[in-house]
């Protein structure tokens, strides 16, 4: 229901008897009339209209929507980071994502502005992690009922490797993500060469065992042949 707050003819608007709240003050200066609300409360959330005109022609101007953010009504939220780990090489670009979810799947959290989201990095050799970026790109995903913040990072050298954390400041609290680790990707050529080297070693060892076995076998055959010749000579001698 529309409620009349104040009325006035030529002079300063006067609050109506049904609406007498000292937090609301009306001012008139020349042809401009303003409304000031002190100590805003959640109950003040509404659409405010200004109506003007003559006795026979009244005009309702565009309304003003006042939205009051009440942290006491903010549902429990938590932060998730993806991916958990990514293997990259210098020159590659990694895309990290920080999502703010509500524990109640039926509601969506109020998404804080980008100035309330920061990215930290640890693992560069410093004693403490430091702020490297504020949120640059954000997405309000109504379908998944989440607030999503992105960080695109180009790895330039070894100092860019480490664990990146996102921190979201909301309703007087700081929610920290689980971290996304950027680590060195193994070169595929190194893996291939390592595999070939392993195969070569196996082949060489197999050849060594094969050649050694053949030599032992030949030696045994030679010994058996010489013993057989000696036996024949001895038999011939005995016969004679």
Protein backbone atom coordinates (compact mmCIF):
# COMPACT_ATOMS: atom_id res chain seq x y z
CA UNK A 1 0.00 0.00 0.00
CA UNK A 2 1.22 3.49 -0.81
CA UNK A 3 1.72 5.59 2.30
CA UNK A 4 1.80 9.40 2.16
CA UNK A 5 4.81 10.66 4.08
CA UNK A 6 4.50 14.45 3.74
CA UNK A 7 2.52 17.06 1.89
CA UNK A 8 3.01 20.74 1.25
CA UNK A 9 1.56 23.64 -0.67
CA UNK A 10 3.99 26.43 -1.61
CA UNK A 11 5.89 25.97 1.63
CA UNK A 12 7.96 23.29 3.35
CA UNK A 13 6.42 19.77 3.22
CA UNK A 14 4.85 18.72 6.50
CA UNK A 15 4.84 15.08 7.65
CA UNK A 16 1.40 13.54 7.79
CA UNK A 17 -0.15 12.43 11.05
CA UNK A 18 0.04 8.76 10.02
CA UNK A 19 3.73 9.13 9.24
CA UNK A 20 5.59 10.98 11.93
CA UNK A 21 9.14 9.72 12.13
CA UNK A 22 11.93 12.05 13.21
CA UNK A 23 14.50 10.10 11.19
CA UNK A 24 12.83 11.39 8.02
CA UNK A 25 13.38 15.07 7.29
CA UNK A 26 11.97 17.07 4.38
CA UNK A 27 13.63 20.18 2.97
CA UNK A 28 12.65 22.71 0.35
CA UNK A 29 15.01 25.08 -1.37
CA UNK A 30 13.59 27.16 -4.21
CA UNK A 31 11.83 24.64 -6.45
CA UNK A 32 13.68 21.56 -5.13
CA UNK A 33 12.34 19.31 -2.39
CA UNK A 34 14.58 16.70 -0.78
CA UNK A 35 14.11 13.83 1.65
CA UNK A 36 16.84 12.86 4.12
CA UNK A 37 16.72 9.57 6.04
CA UNK A 38 18.92 9.31 9.13
CA UNK A 39 20.08 6.01 10.69
CA UNK A 40 18.73 3.88 7.88
CA UNK A 41 17.13 0.59 8.92
CA UNK A 42 16.06 -2.49 7.05
CA UNK A 43 12.42 -1.48 7.45
CA UNK A 44 13.14 1.66 5.40
CA UNK A 45 13.65 -0.45 2.29
CA UNK A 46 10.97 0.67 -0.16
CA UNK A 47 10.22 2.63 -3.32
CA UNK A 48 9.86 6.38 -2.70
CA UNK A 49 7.77 8.56 -5.04
CA UNK A 50 7.52 12.30 -5.45
CA UNK A 51 4.19 13.71 -6.64
CA UNK A 52 3.68 17.27 -7.83
CA UNK A 53 1.26 19.35 -9.85
CA UNK A 54 -1.86 21.48 -9.45
CA UNK A 55 -5.25 20.86 -7.97
CA UNK A 56 -6.51 19.46 -11.25
CA UNK A 57 -3.35 17.81 -12.63
CA UNK A 58 -1.04 15.68 -10.49
CA UNK A 59 2.11 14.00 -11.77
CA UNK A 60 3.89 11.08 -10.13
CA UNK A 61 7.60 11.20 -10.93
CA UNK A 62 9.96 8.27 -11.23
CA UNK A 63 10.40 6.34 -8.00
CA UNK A 64 13.61 5.77 -6.08
CA UNK A 65 14.32 2.22 -4.92
CA UNK A 66 16.13 2.13 -1.59
CA UNK A 67 17.81 -1.23 -0.90
CA UNK A 68 19.21 -1.77 2.59
CA UNK A 69 21.90 -4.42 2.98
CA UNK A 70 21.40 -6.15 6.30
CA UNK A 71 24.30 -8.44 7.24
CA UNK A 72 22.21 -10.07 9.94
CA UNK A 73 20.06 -11.53 7.17
CA UNK A 74 23.02 -12.70 5.12
CA UNK A 75 22.93 -16.48 4.97
CA UNK A 76 26.01 -18.54 5.80
CA UNK A 77 28.43 -18.48 2.89
CA UNK A 78 31.68 -20.17 1.98
CA UNK A 79 34.40 -19.76 -0.65
CA UNK A 80 35.64 -22.36 -3.12
CA UNK A 81 38.64 -22.06 -5.46
CA UNK A 82 39.27 -23.90 -8.71
CA UNK A 83 41.43 -25.49 -9.84
CA UNK A 84 43.18 -26.97 -6.81
CA UNK A 85 46.42 -27.22 -8.80
CA UNK A 86 47.60 -26.41 -12.32
CA UNK A 87 50.81 -27.33 -14.12
CA UNK A 88 52.09 -24.48 -16.31
CA UNK A 89 55.28 -23.34 -18.00
CA UNK A 90 56.71 -19.81 -18.20
CA UNK A 91 54.71 -17.95 -20.82
CA UNK A 92 51.47 -19.85 -20.14
CA UNK A 93 48.35 -18.11 -18.81
CA UNK A 94 46.47 -19.67 -15.90
CA UNK A 95 42.82 -18.88 -15.17
CA UNK A 96 41.88 -19.07 -11.48
CA UNK A 97 38.34 -18.89 -10.16
CA UNK A 98 36.99 -17.90 -6.75
CA UNK A 99 33.31 -18.68 -6.06
CA UNK A 100 31.13 -17.48 -3.19
CA UNK A 101 28.33 -19.95 -2.38
CA UNK A 102 25.47 -19.98 0.09
CA UNK A 103 25.09 -22.99 2.38
CA UNK A 104 21.38 -22.78 1.64
CA UNK A 105 21.05 -24.01 -1.93
CA UNK A 106 17.74 -22.18 -2.35
CA UNK A 107 19.18 -18.72 -1.75
CA UNK A 108 21.94 -16.76 -3.42
CA UNK A 109 24.42 -14.70 -1.39
CA UNK A 110 24.61 -10.94 -1.84
CA UNK A 111 27.65 -10.48 -4.05
CA UNK A 112 30.14 -7.99 -2.61
CA UNK A 113 31.79 -5.50 -4.93
CA UNK A 114 35.12 -6.23 -6.58
CA UNK A 115 36.90 -3.95 -4.12
CA UNK A 116 36.01 -6.46 -1.37
CA UNK A 117 37.77 -9.37 -3.11
CA UNK A 118 41.56 -9.71 -3.02
CA UNK A 119 44.08 -12.27 -4.22
CA UNK A 120 47.10 -13.36 -2.18
CA UNK A 121 50.17 -15.34 -3.18
CA UNK A 122 52.53 -17.43 -1.09
CA UNK A 123 55.53 -19.56 -1.95
CA UNK A 124 57.70 -16.91 -3.59
CA UNK A 125 60.29 -17.08 -0.82
CA UNK A 126 58.80 -14.32 1.33
CA UNK A 127 57.87 -14.93 4.95
CA UNK A 128 54.29 -13.72 4.58
CA UNK A 129 51.82 -13.77 1.69
CA UNK A 130 51.10 -10.41 0.12
CA UNK A 131 48.20 -8.87 -1.77
CA UNK A 132 48.87 -9.01 -5.49
CA UNK A 133 45.52 -8.18 -7.08
CA UNK A 134 42.04 -7.05 -6.32
CA UNK A 135 39.26 -8.76 -8.22
CA UNK A 136 39.25 -7.70 -11.87
CA UNK A 137 36.49 -9.79 -13.39
CA UNK A 138 33.34 -10.95 -11.64
CA UNK A 139 30.25 -12.88 -12.67
CA UNK A 140 26.91 -13.16 -10.93
CA UNK A 141 25.82 -16.71 -11.70
CA UNK A 142 22.12 -16.80 -10.82
CA UNK A 143 21.70 -20.34 -12.15
CA UNK A 144 24.31 -21.77 -9.77
CA UNK A 145 23.37 -19.24 -7.07
CA UNK A 146 26.93 -18.04 -6.62
CA UNK A 147 29.22 -15.06 -7.07
CA UNK A 148 32.25 -15.86 -9.22
CA UNK A 149 35.50 -13.89 -9.37
CA UNK A 150 38.25 -14.59 -11.90
CA UNK A 151 41.99 -14.04 -11.98
CA UNK A 152 43.95 -14.49 -15.20
CA UNK A 153 47.66 -14.83 -14.47
CA UNK A 154 50.47 -15.04 -17.04
CA UNK A 155 53.45 -16.94 -15.64
CA UNK A 156 56.59 -15.02 -16.56
CA UNK A 157 59.29 -16.61 -14.41
CA UNK A 158 59.90 -18.96 -11.49
CA UNK A 159 58.78 -16.36 -8.94
CA UNK A 160 55.22 -16.60 -10.29
CA UNK A 161 54.88 -20.20 -9.14
CA UNK A 162 53.25 -20.80 -5.79
CA UNK A 163 49.81 -20.95 -4.18
CA UNK A 164 47.25 -18.23 -4.88
CA UNK A 165 44.46 -17.52 -2.39
CA UNK A 166 41.36 -15.39 -2.76
CA UNK A 167 39.90 -13.52 0.22
CA UNK A 168 36.35 -12.14 0.28
CA UNK A 169 35.37 -9.49 2.84
CA UNK A 170 31.67 -9.72 3.60
CA UNK A 171 29.67 -8.46 6.57
CA UNK A 172 32.71 -7.84 8.75
CA UNK A 173 34.26 -11.24 8.02
CA UNK A 174 37.08 -12.35 5.73
CA UNK A 175 36.51 -15.66 3.97
CA UNK A 176 39.67 -17.31 2.63
CA UNK A 177 39.69 -19.87 -0.16
CA UNK A 178 41.55 -23.17 -0.08
CA UNK A 179 44.16 -21.99 -2.59
CA UNK A 180 45.14 -22.80 -6.18
CA UNK A 181 48.69 -24.06 -6.66
CA UNK A 182 50.65 -23.20 -9.80
CA UNK A 183 53.50 -25.64 -10.33
CA UNK A 184 56.02 -26.36 -13.07
CA UNK A 185 54.84 -28.52 -15.94
CA UNK A 186 57.20 -31.30 -16.97
CA UNK A 187 58.40 -30.91 -20.57
CA UNK A 188 57.02 -33.72 -22.73
CA UNK A 189 60.31 -34.01 -24.66
CA UNK A 190 62.14 -34.66 -21.40
CA UNK A 191 59.65 -37.41 -20.57
CA UNK A 192 60.08 -38.98 -24.02
CA UNK A 193 63.87 -38.86 -23.81
CA UNK A 194 63.72 -40.34 -20.33
CA UNK A 195 61.54 -43.19 -21.59
CA UNK A 196 63.90 -43.87 -24.51
CA UNK A 197 66.89 -43.82 -22.19
CA UNK A 198 65.17 -46.33 -19.91
CA UNK A 199 64.43 -48.60 -22.89
CA UNK A 200 68.07 -48.38 -24.03
CA UNK A 201 69.30 -49.34 -20.58
CA UNK A 202 66.96 -52.33 -20.48
CA UNK A 203 68.10 -53.46 -23.95
CA UNK A 204 71.79 -53.08 -23.04
CA UNK A 205 71.34 -55.05 -19.80
CA UNK A 206 69.45 -57.76 -21.71
CA UNK A 207 72.26 -57.98 -24.29
CA UNK A 208 74.88 -58.23 -21.55
CA UNK A 209 73.03 -61.14 -19.92
CA UNK A 210 72.52 -62.79 -23.31
CA UNK A 211 76.18 -62.50 -24.35
CA UNK A 212 77.39 -63.65 -20.95
CA UNK A 213 75.06 -66.65 -21.09
CA UNK A 214 76.30 -67.61 -24.58
CA UNK A 215 79.91 -67.45 -23.46
CA UNK A 216 79.23 -69.63 -20.46
CA UNK A 217 77.36 -72.11 -22.67
CA UNK A 218 80.17 -72.21 -25.26
CA UNK A 219 82.74 -72.75 -22.52
CA UNK A 220 80.74 -75.63 -21.10
CA UNK A 221 80.43 -77.22 -24.57
CA UNK A 222 84.20 -76.87 -25.09
CA UNK A 223 84.96 -78.54 -21.77
CA UNK A 224 82.60 -81.42 -22.50
CA UNK A 225 84.19 -81.86 -26.00
CA UNK A 226 87.73 -82.02 -24.62
CA UNK A 227 86.69 -84.55 -21.98
CA UNK A 228 85.10 -86.71 -24.70
CA UNK A 229 88.30 -86.64 -26.81
CA UNK A 230 90.43 -87.64 -23.81
CA UNK A 231 88.09 -90.56 -23.08
CA UNK A 232 88.37 -91.81 -26.68
CA UNK A 233 92.19 -91.61 -26.59
CA UNK A 234 92.30 -93.49 -23.30
CA UNK A 235 90.01 -96.22 -24.63
CA UNK A 236 92.13 -96.66 -27.76
CA UNK A 237 95.29 -96.88 -25.66
CA UNK A 238 93.75 -99.44 -23.37
CA UNK A 239 92.58 -101.50 -26.36
CA UNK A 240 96.04 -101.51 -27.85
